[in-house]
């Protein structure tokens, strides 16, 4: 049996533009961190949930970003999030968080949910 090991930085990467977006969101909300988790939803299985929080949930993994923003990663979903990159893009007047998760096996047509 092979045991896979990883570091916190391997689980989730947040680009500089996404980190700046999170910093602005936290200033507006008055919260202290962003929490990343998955929730069962949609026709394919899961959806991403990113919420502003003051404290981590029990077992969360803390990842400080270079700009001082704290990201809490739900330890229950580390395997499904491992290698994920969160970016913030601007195309014309549209600004979006873009999540690139190499573990996604299938996604629904509307983009609401995915399976790993």
PDB file of N, CA and C in Angstrom:
ATOM      1  N   UNK A   1       0.847  -1.176   0.000  1.00  0.00           N
ATOM      2  CA  UNK A   1       0.000   0.000   0.000  1.00  0.00           C
ATOM      3  C   UNK A   1       0.893   1.240   0.000  1.00  0.00           C
ATOM      4  N   UNK A   2       0.584   2.193  -0.883  1.00  0.00           N
ATOM      5  CA  UNK A   2       1.336   3.438  -0.968  1.00  0.00           C
ATOM      6  C   UNK A   2       0.557   4.528  -0.260  1.00  0.00           C
ATOM      7  N   UNK A   3       1.232   5.268   0.580  1.00  0.00           N
ATOM      8  CA  UNK A   3       0.608   6.389   1.267  1.00  0.00           C
ATOM      9  C   UNK A   3       1.049   7.660   0.559  1.00  0.00           C
ATOM     10  N   UNK A   4       0.085   8.444   0.135  1.00  0.00           N
ATOM     11  CA  UNK A   4       0.390   9.674  -0.575  1.00  0.00           C
ATOM     12  C   UNK A   4       0.540  10.802   0.438  1.00  0.00           C
ATOM     13  N   UNK A   5       1.621  11.553   0.326  1.00  0.00           N
ATOM     14  CA  UNK A   5       1.801  12.691   1.220  1.00  0.00           C
ATOM     15  C   UNK A   5       1.772  13.975   0.408  1.00  0.00           C
ATOM     16  N   UNK A   6       1.426  15.050   1.038  1.00  0.00           N
ATOM     17  CA  UNK A   6       1.352  16.341   0.376  1.00  0.00           C
ATOM     18  C   UNK A   6       1.526  17.433   1.420  1.00  0.00           C
ATOM     19  N   UNK A   7       1.821  18.612   0.936  1.00  0.00           N
ATOM     20  CA  UNK A   7       1.898  19.771   1.818  1.00  0.00           C
ATOM     21  C   UNK A   7       0.662  20.618   1.599  1.00  0.00           C
ATOM     22  N   UNK A   8       0.447  21.567   2.487  1.00  0.00           N
ATOM     23  CA  UNK A   8      -0.707  22.458   2.355  1.00  0.00           C
ATOM     24  C   UNK A   8      -0.663  23.186   1.018  1.00  0.00           C
ATOM     25  N   UNK A   9       0.536  23.581   0.577  1.00  0.00           N
ATOM     26  CA  UNK A   9       0.636  24.319  -0.680  1.00  0.00           C
ATOM     27  C   UNK A   9       0.234  23.471  -1.877  1.00  0.00           C
ATOM     28  N   UNK A  10       0.333  22.135  -1.761  1.00  0.00           N
ATOM     29  CA  UNK A  10      -0.081  21.256  -2.847  1.00  0.00           C
ATOM     30  C   UNK A  10      -1.606  21.168  -2.975  1.00  0.00           C
ATOM     31  N   UNK A  11      -2.304  21.368  -1.893  1.00  0.00           N
ATOM     32  CA  UNK A  11      -3.753  21.184  -1.900  1.00  0.00           C
ATOM     33  C   UNK A  11      -4.422  22.254  -2.745  1.00  0.00           C
ATOM     34  N   UNK A  12      -4.057  23.506  -2.535  1.00  0.00           N
ATOM     35  CA  UNK A  12      -4.772  24.609  -3.156  1.00  0.00           C
ATOM     36  C   UNK A  12      -3.795  25.732  -3.471  1.00  0.00           C
ATOM     37  N   UNK A  13      -3.855  26.226  -4.696  1.00  0.00           N
ATOM     38  CA  UNK A  13      -3.067  27.380  -5.093  1.00  0.00           C
ATOM     39  C   UNK A  13      -4.024  28.525  -5.381  1.00  0.00           C
ATOM     40  N   UNK A  14      -3.720  29.690  -4.844  1.00  0.00           N
ATOM     41  CA  UNK A  14      -4.518  30.890  -5.083  1.00  0.00           C
ATOM     42  C   UNK A  14      -3.616  31.886  -5.800  1.00  0.00           C
ATOM     43  N   UNK A  15      -4.015  32.305  -7.006  1.00  0.00           N
ATOM     44  CA  UNK A  15      -3.200  33.247  -7.760  1.00  0.00           C
ATOM     45  C   UNK A  15      -3.196  34.606  -7.063  1.00  0.00           C
ATOM     46  N   UNK A  16      -2.252  35.454  -7.448  1.00  0.00           N
ATOM     47  CA  UNK A  16      -2.168  36.797  -6.865  1.00  0.00           C
ATOM     48  C   UNK A  16      -3.447  37.590  -7.099  1.00  0.00           C
ATOM     49  N   UNK A  17      -4.034  37.472  -8.296  1.00  0.00           N
ATOM     50  CA  UNK A  17      -5.256  38.227  -8.576  1.00  0.00           C
ATOM     51  C   UNK A  17      -6.429  37.721  -7.739  1.00  0.00           C
ATOM     52  N   UNK A  18      -6.490  36.419  -7.509  1.00  0.00           N
ATOM     53  CA  UNK A  18      -7.546  35.869  -6.656  1.00  0.00           C
ATOM     54  C   UNK A  18      -7.319  36.277  -5.204  1.00  0.00           C
ATOM     55  N   UNK A  19      -6.067  36.298  -4.766  1.00  0.00           N
ATOM     56  CA  UNK A  19      -5.755  36.717  -3.394  1.00  0.00           C
ATOM     57  C   UNK A  19      -6.180  38.166  -3.172  1.00  0.00           C
ATOM     58  N   UNK A  20      -5.925  39.032  -4.151  1.00  0.00           N
ATOM     59  CA  UNK A  20      -6.348  40.436  -4.037  1.00  0.00           C
ATOM     60  C   UNK A  20      -7.868  40.546  -4.018  1.00  0.00           C
ATOM     61  N   UNK A  21      -8.542  39.740  -4.833  1.00  0.00           N
ATOM     62  CA  UNK A  21     -10.006  39.715  -4.815  1.00  0.00           C
ATOM     63  C   UNK A  21     -10.513  39.303  -3.436  1.00  0.00           C
ATOM     64  N   UNK A  22      -9.926  38.246  -2.874  1.00  0.00           N
ATOM     65  CA  UNK A  22     -10.337  37.790  -1.544  1.00  0.00           C
ATOM     66  C   UNK A  22     -10.097  38.885  -0.497  1.00  0.00           C
ATOM     67  N   UNK A  23      -8.983  39.600  -0.610  1.00  0.00           N
ATOM     68  CA  UNK A  23      -8.688  40.683   0.348  1.00  0.00           C
ATOM     69  C   UNK A  23      -9.785  41.743   0.298  1.00  0.00           C
ATOM     70  N   UNK A  24     -10.226  42.113  -0.898  1.00  0.00           N
ATOM     71  CA  UNK A  24     -11.289  43.120  -1.049  1.00  0.00           C
ATOM     72  C   UNK A  24     -12.617  42.614  -0.486  1.00  0.00           C
ATOM     73  N   UNK A  25     -12.916  41.348  -0.750  1.00  0.00           N
ATOM     74  CA  UNK A  25     -14.158  40.747  -0.239  1.00  0.00           C
ATOM     75  C   UNK A  25     -14.148  40.752   1.286  1.00  0.00           C
ATOM     76  N   UNK A  26     -13.013  40.424   1.888  1.00  0.00           N
ATOM     77  CA  UNK A  26     -12.924  40.379   3.354  1.00  0.00           C
ATOM     78  C   UNK A  26     -13.045  41.758   3.969  1.00  0.00           C
ATOM     79  N   UNK A  27     -12.494  42.776   3.329  1.00  0.00           N
ATOM     80  CA  UNK A  27     -12.644  44.145   3.839  1.00  0.00           C
ATOM     81  C   UNK A  27     -14.114  44.533   3.846  1.00  0.00           C
ATOM     82  N   UNK A  28     -14.823  44.235   2.759  1.00  0.00           N
ATOM     83  CA  UNK A  28     -16.252  44.565   2.668  1.00  0.00           C
ATOM     84  C   UNK A  28     -17.089  43.808   3.687  1.00  0.00           C
ATOM     85  N   UNK A  29     -16.759  42.525   3.904  1.00  0.00           N
ATOM     86  CA  UNK A  29     -17.575  41.698   4.795  1.00  0.00           C
ATOM     87  C   UNK A  29     -17.208  41.858   6.266  1.00  0.00           C
ATOM     88  N   UNK A  30     -15.991  42.330   6.534  1.00  0.00           N
ATOM     89  CA  UNK A  30     -15.533  42.441   7.917  1.00  0.00           C
ATOM     90  C   UNK A  30     -15.099  41.112   8.518  1.00  0.00           C
ATOM     91  N   UNK A  31     -15.023  40.078   7.699  1.00  0.00           N
ATOM     92  CA  UNK A  31     -14.599  38.755   8.170  1.00  0.00           C
ATOM     93  C   UNK A  31     -13.084  38.630   8.064  1.00  0.00           C
ATOM     94  N   UNK A  32     -12.526  37.532   8.598  1.00  0.00           N
ATOM     95  CA  UNK A  32     -11.073  37.389   8.693  1.00  0.00           C
ATOM     96  C   UNK A  32     -10.447  36.421   7.702  1.00  0.00           C
ATOM     97  N   UNK A  33     -11.242  35.551   7.086  1.00  0.00           N
ATOM     98  CA  UNK A  33     -10.657  34.519   6.223  1.00  0.00           C
ATOM     99  C   UNK A  33     -11.677  34.034   5.200  1.00  0.00           C
ATOM    100  N   UNK A  34     -11.169  33.303   4.214  1.00  0.00           N
ATOM    101  CA  UNK A  34     -12.007  32.636   3.219  1.00  0.00           C
ATOM    102  C   UNK A  34     -11.942  31.141   3.511  1.00  0.00           C
ATOM    103  N   UNK A  35     -13.085  30.484   3.538  1.00  0.00           N
ATOM    104  CA  UNK A  35     -13.126  29.030   3.747  1.00  0.00           C
ATOM    105  C   UNK A  35     -13.555  28.364   2.449  1.00  0.00           C
ATOM    106  N   UNK A  36     -12.810  27.347   2.036  1.00  0.00           N
ATOM    107  CA  UNK A  36     -13.094  26.613   0.803  1.00  0.00           C
ATOM    108  C   UNK A  36     -13.519  25.194   1.172  1.00  0.00           C
ATOM    109  N   UNK A  37     -14.676  24.807   0.665  1.00  0.00           N
ATOM    110  CA  UNK A  37     -15.180  23.462   0.906  1.00  0.00           C
ATOM    111  C   UNK A  37     -15.998  23.008  -0.299  1.00  0.00           C
ATOM    112  N   UNK A  38     -16.518  21.812  -0.229  1.00  0.00           N
ATOM    113  CA  UNK A  38     -17.412  21.284  -1.243  1.00  0.00           C
ATOM    114  C   UNK A  38     -18.734  20.938  -0.586  1.00  0.00           C
ATOM    115  N   UNK A  39     -19.794  21.033  -1.366  1.00  0.00           N
ATOM    116  CA  UNK A  39     -21.127  20.686  -0.877  1.00  0.00           C
ATOM    117  C   UNK A  39     -21.776  19.792  -1.924  1.00  0.00           C
ATOM    118  N   UNK A  40     -22.467  18.749  -1.464  1.00  0.00           N
ATOM    119  CA  UNK A  40     -23.203  17.905  -2.391  1.00  0.00           C
ATOM    120  C   UNK A  40     -24.299  18.738  -3.031  1.00  0.00           C
ATOM    121  N   UNK A  41     -24.319  18.730  -4.378  1.00  0.00           N
ATOM    122  CA  UNK A  41     -25.299  19.560  -5.077  1.00  0.00           C
ATOM    123  C   UNK A  41     -25.384  19.163  -6.535  1.00  0.00           C
ATOM    124  N   UNK A  42     -26.448  19.616  -7.177  1.00  0.00           N
ATOM    125  CA  UNK A  42     -26.594  19.456  -8.614  1.00  0.00           C
ATOM    126  C   UNK A  42     -26.770  18.026  -9.055  1.00  0.00           C
ATOM    127  N   UNK A  43     -26.668  17.853 -10.349  1.00  0.00           N
ATOM    128  CA  UNK A  43     -26.908  16.522 -10.927  1.00  0.00           C
ATOM    129  C   UNK A  43     -25.638  15.683 -11.015  1.00  0.00           C
ATOM    130  N   UNK A  44     -24.469  16.292 -10.787  1.00  0.00           N
ATOM    131  CA  UNK A  44     -23.221  15.554 -10.944  1.00  0.00           C
ATOM    132  C   UNK A  44     -22.569  15.185  -9.624  1.00  0.00           C
ATOM    133  N   UNK A  45     -22.821  15.925  -8.549  1.00  0.00           N
ATOM    134  CA  UNK A  45     -22.264  15.522  -7.265  1.00  0.00           C
ATOM    135  C   UNK A  45     -21.899  16.625  -6.303  1.00  0.00           C
ATOM    136  N   UNK A  46     -20.983  17.531  -6.687  1.00  0.00           N
ATOM    137  CA  UNK A  46     -20.496  18.548  -5.755  1.00  0.00           C
ATOM    138  C   UNK A  46     -20.474  19.926  -6.394  1.00  0.00           C
ATOM    139  N   UNK A  47     -20.467  20.941  -5.539  1.00  0.00           N
ATOM    140  CA  UNK A  47     -20.188  22.295  -5.989  1.00  0.00           C
ATOM    141  C   UNK A  47     -19.223  22.927  -4.993  1.00  0.00           C
ATOM    142  N   UNK A  48     -18.508  23.932  -5.442  1.00  0.00           N
ATOM    143  CA  UNK A  48     -17.574  24.649  -4.578  1.00  0.00           C
ATOM    144  C   UNK A  48     -18.332  25.632  -3.715  1.00  0.00           C
ATOM    145  N   UNK A  49     -17.876  25.758  -2.472  1.00  0.00           N
ATOM    146  CA  UNK A  49     -18.426  26.760  -1.573  1.00  0.00           C
ATOM    147  C   UNK A  49     -17.252  27.557  -1.020  1.00  0.00           C
ATOM    148  N   UNK A  50     -17.262  28.863  -1.273  1.00  0.00           N
ATOM    149  CA  UNK A  50     -16.260  29.761  -0.714  1.00  0.00           C
ATOM    150  C   UNK A  50     -17.018  30.812   0.066  1.00  0.00           C
ATOM    151  N   UNK A  51     -16.703  30.881   1.350  1.00  0.00           N
ATOM    152  CA  UNK A  51     -17.431  31.810   2.205  1.00  0.00           C
ATOM    153  C   UNK A  51     -16.468  32.574   3.093  1.00  0.00           C
ATOM    154  N   UNK A  52     -16.881  33.774   3.459  1.00  0.00           N
ATOM    155  CA  UNK A  52     -16.089  34.574   4.384  1.00  0.00           C
ATOM    156  C   UNK A  52     -16.422  34.117   5.797  1.00  0.00           C
ATOM    157  N   UNK A  53     -15.390  33.888   6.610  1.00  0.00           N
ATOM    158  CA  UNK A  53     -15.585  33.395   7.969  1.00  0.00           C
ATOM    159  C   UNK A  53     -14.652  34.125   8.927  1.00  0.00           C
ATOM    160  N   UNK A  54     -14.964  34.039  10.209  1.00  0.00           N
ATOM    161  CA  UNK A  54     -14.088  34.590  11.243  1.00  0.00           C
ATOM    162  C   UNK A  54     -13.138  33.543  11.802  1.00  0.00           C
ATOM    163  N   UNK A  55     -13.571  32.283  11.783  1.00  0.00           N
ATOM    164  CA  UNK A  55     -12.781  31.207  12.379  1.00  0.00           C
ATOM    165  C   UNK A  55     -12.850  29.960  11.504  1.00  0.00           C
ATOM    166  N   UNK A  56     -11.847  29.107  11.588  1.00  0.00           N
ATOM    167  CA  UNK A  56     -11.922  27.848  10.845  1.00  0.00           C
ATOM    168  C   UNK A  56     -12.916  26.898  11.499  1.00  0.00           C
ATOM    169  N   UNK A  57     -13.424  25.981  10.694  1.00  0.00           N
ATOM    170  CA  UNK A  57     -14.203  24.885  11.256  1.00  0.00           C
ATOM    171  C   UNK A  57     -13.201  23.869  11.809  1.00  0.00           C
ATOM    172  N   UNK A  58     -13.672  23.016  12.687  1.00  0.00           N
ATOM    173  CA  UNK A  58     -12.780  22.022  13.290  1.00  0.00           C
ATOM    174  C   UNK A  58     -12.125  21.177  12.203  1.00  0.00           C
ATOM    175  N   UNK A  59     -10.814  21.057  12.261  1.00  0.00           N
ATOM    176  CA  UNK A  59     -10.066  20.241  11.319  1.00  0.00           C
ATOM    177  C   UNK A  59      -9.623  20.958  10.060  1.00  0.00           C
ATOM    178  N   UNK A  60     -10.067  22.200   9.858  1.00  0.00           N
ATOM    179  CA  UNK A  60      -9.667  22.935   8.661  1.00  0.00           C
ATOM    180  C   UNK A  60      -8.157  23.110   8.602  1.00  0.00           C
ATOM    181  N   UNK A  61      -7.636  23.144   7.388  1.00  0.00           N
ATOM    182  CA  UNK A  61      -6.219  23.399   7.152  1.00  0.00           C
ATOM    183  C   UNK A  61      -6.076  24.879   6.839  1.00  0.00           C
ATOM    184  N   UNK A  62      -5.149  25.538   7.524  1.00  0.00           N
ATOM    185  CA  UNK A  62      -4.948  26.969   7.328  1.00  0.00           C
ATOM    186  C   UNK A  62      -3.849  27.208   6.298  1.00  0.00           C
ATOM    187  N   UNK A  63      -4.147  28.059   5.329  1.00  0.00           N
ATOM    188  CA  UNK A  63      -3.157  28.423   4.314  1.00  0.00           C
ATOM    189  C   UNK A  63      -3.081  29.943   4.255  1.00  0.00           C
ATOM    190  N   UNK A  64      -2.019  30.538   4.798  1.00  0.00           N
ATOM    191  CA  UNK A  64      -1.853  31.987   4.681  1.00  0.00           C
ATOM    192  C   UNK A  64      -1.336  32.351   3.292  1.00  0.00           C
ATOM    193  N   UNK A  65      -1.910  33.376   2.691  1.00  0.00           N
ATOM    194  CA  UNK A  65      -1.459  33.844   1.389  1.00  0.00           C
ATOM    195  C   UNK A  65      -0.431  34.960   1.576  1.00  0.00           C
ATOM    196  N   UNK A  66       0.322  35.254   0.544  1.00  0.00           N
ATOM    197  CA  UNK A  66       1.395  36.253   0.633  1.00  0.00           C
ATOM    198  C   UNK A  66       0.886  37.646   1.000  1.00  0.00           C
ATOM    199  N   UNK A  67      -0.361  37.960   0.640  1.00  0.00           N
ATOM    200  CA  UNK A  67      -0.917  39.280   0.947  1.00  0.00           C
ATOM    201  C   UNK A  67      -1.580  39.341   2.326  1.00  0.00           C
ATOM    202  N   UNK A  68      -1.419  38.296   3.129  1.00  0.00           N
ATOM    203  CA  UNK A  68      -1.960  38.295   4.477  1.00  0.00           C
ATOM    204  C   UNK A  68      -3.335  37.665   4.618  1.00  0.00           C
ATOM    205  N   UNK A  69      -3.987  37.357   3.513  1.00  0.00           N
ATOM    206  CA  UNK A  69      -5.300  36.701   3.567  1.00  0.00           C
ATOM    207  C   UNK A  69      -5.114  35.268   4.050  1.00  0.00           C
ATOM    208  N   UNK A  70      -6.015  34.833   4.920  1.00  0.00           N
ATOM    209  CA  UNK A  70      -6.034  33.442   5.378  1.00  0.00           C
ATOM    210  C   UNK A  70      -7.091  32.673   4.598  1.00  0.00           C
ATOM    211  N   UNK A  71      -6.726  31.474   4.153  1.00  0.00           N
ATOM    212  CA  UNK A  71      -7.670  30.574   3.509  1.00  0.00           C
ATOM    213  C   UNK A  71      -7.741  29.324   4.369  1.00  0.00           C
ATOM    214  N   UNK A  72      -8.960  28.920   4.710  1.00  0.00           N
ATOM    215  CA  UNK A  72      -9.173  27.669   5.430  1.00  0.00           C
ATOM    216  C   UNK A  72      -9.707  26.646   4.435  1.00  0.00           C
ATOM    217  N   UNK A  73      -9.094  25.473   4.433  1.00  0.00           N
ATOM    218  CA  UNK A  73      -9.480  24.404   3.521  1.00  0.00           C
ATOM    219  C   UNK A  73     -10.115  23.290   4.339  1.00  0.00           C
ATOM    220  N   UNK A  74     -11.319  22.917   3.966  1.00  0.00           N
ATOM    221  CA  UNK A  74     -12.041  21.846   4.663  1.00  0.00           C
ATOM    222  C   UNK A  74     -11.264  20.541   4.514  1.00  0.00           C
ATOM    223  N   UNK A  75     -10.792  20.007   5.618  1.00  0.00           N
ATOM    224  CA  UNK A  75      -9.966  18.793   5.574  1.00  0.00           C
ATOM    225  C   UNK A  75     -10.754  17.573   5.088  1.00  0.00           C
ATOM    226  N   UNK A  76     -12.071  17.615   5.167  1.00  0.00           N
ATOM    227  CA  UNK A  76     -12.883  16.493   4.681  1.00  0.00           C
ATOM    228  C   UNK A  76     -12.812  16.352   3.155  1.00  0.00           C
ATOM    229  N   UNK A  77     -12.384  17.423   2.465  1.00  0.00           N
ATOM    230  CA  UNK A  77     -12.383  17.411   1.003  1.00  0.00           C
ATOM    231  C   UNK A  77     -10.996  17.641   0.408  1.00  0.00           C
ATOM    232  N   UNK A  78      -9.960  17.400   1.199  1.00  0.00           N
ATOM    233  CA  UNK A  78      -8.588  17.624   0.732  1.00  0.00           C
ATOM    234  C   UNK A  78      -8.289  16.811  -0.528  1.00  0.00           C
ATOM    235  N   UNK A  79      -8.682  15.552  -0.558  1.00  0.00           N
ATOM    236  CA  UNK A  79      -8.410  14.711  -1.722  1.00  0.00           C
ATOM    237  C   UNK A  79      -9.037  15.251  -2.992  1.00  0.00           C
ATOM    238  N   UNK A  80     -10.262  15.749  -2.890  1.00  0.00           N
ATOM    239  CA  UNK A  80     -10.965  16.279  -4.063  1.00  0.00           C
ATOM    240  C   UNK A  80     -10.447  17.651  -4.476  1.00  0.00           C
ATOM    241  N   UNK A  81      -9.804  18.379  -3.552  1.00  0.00           N
ATOM    242  CA  UNK A  81      -9.303  19.719  -3.852  1.00  0.00           C
ATOM    243  C   UNK A  81      -7.817  19.737  -4.183  1.00  0.00           C
ATOM    244  N   UNK A  82      -7.120  18.649  -3.925  1.00  0.00           N
ATOM    245  CA  UNK A  82      -5.672  18.625  -4.112  1.00  0.00           C
ATOM    246  C   UNK A  82      -5.289  19.015  -5.539  1.00  0.00           C
ATOM    247  N   UNK A  83      -4.402  20.003  -5.663  1.00  0.00           N
ATOM    248  CA  UNK A  83      -3.935  20.466  -6.962  1.00  0.00           C
ATOM    249  C   UNK A  83      -4.784  21.552  -7.585  1.00  0.00           C
ATOM    250  N   UNK A  84      -5.847  21.972  -6.907  1.00  0.00           N
ATOM    251  CA  UNK A  84      -6.755  22.979  -7.437  1.00  0.00           C
ATOM    252  C   UNK A  84      -6.099  24.358  -7.454  1.00  0.00           C
ATOM    253  N   UNK A  85      -6.376  25.109  -8.527  1.00  0.00           N
ATOM    254  CA  UNK A  85      -5.901  26.486  -8.659  1.00  0.00           C
ATOM    255  C   UNK A  85      -7.119  27.400  -8.735  1.00  0.00           C
ATOM    256  N   UNK A  86      -7.139  28.417  -7.863  1.00  0.00           N
ATOM    257  CA  UNK A  86      -8.201  29.420  -7.888  1.00  0.00           C
ATOM    258  C   UNK A  86      -7.610  30.694  -8.466  1.00  0.00           C
ATOM    259  N   UNK A  87      -8.242  31.209  -9.516  1.00  0.00           N
ATOM    260  CA  UNK A  87      -7.793  32.419 -10.184  1.00  0.00           C
ATOM    261  C   UNK A  87      -8.963  33.401 -10.255  1.00  0.00           C
ATOM    262  N   UNK A  88      -8.662  34.663 -10.484  1.00  0.00           N
ATOM    263  CA  UNK A  88      -9.682  35.690 -10.663  1.00  0.00           C
ATOM    264  C   UNK A  88      -9.382  36.371 -11.983  1.00  0.00           C
ATOM    265  N   UNK A  89     -10.314  36.272 -12.925  1.00  0.00           N
ATOM    266  CA  UNK A  89     -10.069  36.789 -14.258  1.00  0.00           C
ATOM    267  C   UNK A  89     -11.019  37.930 -14.604  1.00  0.00           C
ATOM    268  N   UNK A  90     -10.556  38.763 -15.518  1.00  0.00           N
ATOM    269  CA  UNK A  90     -11.371  39.851 -16.035  1.00  0.00           C
ATOM    270  C   UNK A  90     -11.401  39.730 -17.552  1.00  0.00           C
ATOM    271  N   UNK A  91     -12.600  39.658 -18.097  1.00  0.00           N
ATOM    272  CA  UNK A  91     -12.789  39.645 -19.546  1.00  0.00           C
ATOM    273  C   UNK A  91     -13.842  40.685 -19.867  1.00  0.00           C
ATOM    274  N   UNK A  92     -13.394  41.817 -20.402  1.00  0.00           N
ATOM    275  CA  UNK A  92     -14.321  42.922 -20.654  1.00  0.00           C
ATOM    276  C   UNK A  92     -14.854  43.439 -19.333  1.00  0.00           C
ATOM    277  N   UNK A  93     -16.164  43.428 -19.174  1.00  0.00           N
ATOM    278  CA  UNK A  93     -16.768  43.889 -17.924  1.00  0.00           C
ATOM    279  C   UNK A  93     -17.039  42.747 -16.953  1.00  0.00           C
ATOM    280  N   UNK A  94     -16.741  41.516 -17.383  1.00  0.00           N
ATOM    281  CA  UNK A  94     -16.989  40.348 -16.540  1.00  0.00           C
ATOM    282  C   UNK A  94     -15.771  40.012 -15.695  1.00  0.00           C
ATOM    283  N   UNK A  95     -16.014  39.810 -14.399  1.00  0.00           N
ATOM    284  CA  UNK A  95     -14.973  39.389 -13.469  1.00  0.00           C
ATOM    285  C   UNK A  95     -15.458  38.111 -12.800  1.00  0.00           C
ATOM    286  N   UNK A  96     -14.587  37.087 -12.812  1.00  0.00           N
ATOM    287  CA  UNK A  96     -15.013  35.777 -12.309  1.00  0.00           C
ATOM    288  C   UNK A  96     -13.901  35.054 -11.573  1.00  0.00           C
ATOM    289  N   UNK A  97     -14.294  34.318 -10.544  1.00  0.00           N
ATOM    290  CA  UNK A  97     -13.381  33.344  -9.957  1.00  0.00           C
ATOM    291  C   UNK A  97     -13.391  32.131 -10.874  1.00  0.00           C
ATOM    292  N   UNK A  98     -12.212  31.656 -11.223  1.00  0.00           N
ATOM    293  CA  UNK A  98     -12.079  30.487 -12.081  1.00  0.00           C
ATOM    294  C   UNK A  98     -11.370  29.411 -11.273  1.00  0.00           C
ATOM    295  N   UNK A  99     -11.984  28.240 -11.203  1.00  0.00           N
ATOM    296  CA  UNK A  99     -11.423  27.140 -10.422  1.00  0.00           C
ATOM    297  C   UNK A  99     -10.997  26.035 -11.375  1.00  0.00           C
ATOM    298  N   UNK A 100      -9.719  25.724 -11.349  1.00  0.00           N
ATOM    299  CA  UNK A 100      -9.177  24.656 -12.185  1.00  0.00           C
ATOM    300  C   UNK A 100      -8.789  23.502 -11.259  1.00  0.00           C
ATOM    301  N   UNK A 101      -9.607  22.461 -11.265  1.00  0.00           N
ATOM    302  CA  UNK A 101      -9.410  21.316 -10.390  1.00  0.00           C
ATOM    303  C   UNK A 101      -9.067  20.087 -11.245  1.00  0.00           C
ATOM    304  N   UNK A 102      -7.830  19.599 -11.144  1.00  0.00           N
ATOM    305  CA  UNK A 102      -7.429  18.461 -11.972  1.00  0.00           C
ATOM    306  C   UNK A 102      -8.119  17.144 -11.602  1.00  0.00           C
ATOM    307  N   UNK A 103      -8.841  17.123 -10.497  1.00  0.00           N
ATOM    308  CA  UNK A 103      -9.515  15.906 -10.046  1.00  0.00           C
ATOM    309  C   UNK A 103     -10.912  15.725 -10.620  1.00  0.00           C
ATOM    310  N   UNK A 104     -11.440  16.757 -11.284  1.00  0.00           N
ATOM    311  CA  UNK A 104     -12.806  16.690 -11.815  1.00  0.00           C
ATOM    312  C   UNK A 104     -12.866  15.673 -12.947  1.00  0.00           C
ATOM    313  N   UNK A 105     -13.763  14.711 -12.799  1.00  0.00           N
ATOM    314  CA  UNK A 105     -13.955  13.655 -13.801  1.00  0.00           C
ATOM    315  C   UNK A 105     -15.091  13.982 -14.759  1.00  0.00           C
ATOM    316  N   UNK A 106     -16.106  14.699 -14.248  1.00  0.00           N
ATOM    317  CA  UNK A 106     -17.284  15.014 -15.048  1.00  0.00           C
ATOM    318  C   UNK A 106     -17.925  16.277 -14.481  1.00  0.00           C
ATOM    319  N   UNK A 107     -18.548  17.066 -15.352  1.00  0.00           N
ATOM    320  CA  UNK A 107     -19.252  18.272 -14.906  1.00  0.00           C
ATOM    321  C   UNK A 107     -20.596  18.323 -15.617  1.00  0.00           C
ATOM    322  N   UNK A 108     -21.567  18.911 -14.949  1.00  0.00           N
ATOM    323  CA  UNK A 108     -22.883  19.025 -15.576  1.00  0.00           C
ATOM    324  C   UNK A 108     -22.829  20.107 -16.657  1.00  0.00           C
ATOM    325  N   UNK A 109     -23.775  20.092 -17.539  1.00  0.00           N
ATOM    326  CA  UNK A 109     -23.810  21.025 -18.659  1.00  0.00           C
ATOM    327  C   UNK A 109     -23.926  22.474 -18.262  1.00  0.00           C
ATOM    328  N   UNK A 110     -24.590  22.752 -17.151  1.00  0.00           N
ATOM    329  CA  UNK A 110     -24.768  24.150 -16.745  1.00  0.00           C
ATOM    330  C   UNK A 110     -23.596  24.664 -15.916  1.00  0.00           C
ATOM    331  N   UNK A 111     -22.681  23.771 -15.536  1.00  0.00           N
ATOM    332  CA  UNK A 111     -21.518  24.193 -14.764  1.00  0.00           C
ATOM    333  C   UNK A 111     -21.768  24.295 -13.277  1.00  0.00           C
ATOM    334  N   UNK A 112     -22.919  23.874 -12.811  1.00  0.00           N
ATOM    335  CA  UNK A 112     -23.271  23.985 -11.401  1.00  0.00           C
ATOM    336  C   UNK A 112     -22.540  22.966 -10.529  1.00  0.00           C
ATOM    337  N   UNK A 113     -22.346  21.758 -11.056  1.00  0.00           N
ATOM    338  CA  UNK A 113     -21.772  20.710 -10.222  1.00  0.00           C
ATOM    339  C   UNK A 113     -20.776  19.868 -10.999  1.00  0.00           C
ATOM    340  N   UNK A 114     -20.024  19.049 -10.239  1.00  0.00           N
ATOM    341  CA  UNK A 114     -18.995  18.203 -10.837  1.00  0.00           C
ATOM    342  C   UNK A 114     -18.817  16.951  -9.991  1.00  0.00           C
ATOM    343  N   UNK A 115     -18.119  15.979 -10.564  1.00  0.00           N
ATOM    344  CA  UNK A 115     -17.792  14.771  -9.793  1.00  0.00           C
ATOM    345  C   UNK A 115     -16.280  14.572  -9.831  1.00  0.00           C
ATOM    346  N   UNK A 116     -15.782  13.893  -8.791  1.00  0.00           N
ATOM    347  CA  UNK A 116     -14.352  13.596  -8.707  1.00  0.00           C
ATOM    348  C   UNK A 116     -14.139  12.099  -8.629  1.00  0.00           C
TER     349      UNK A 116
END
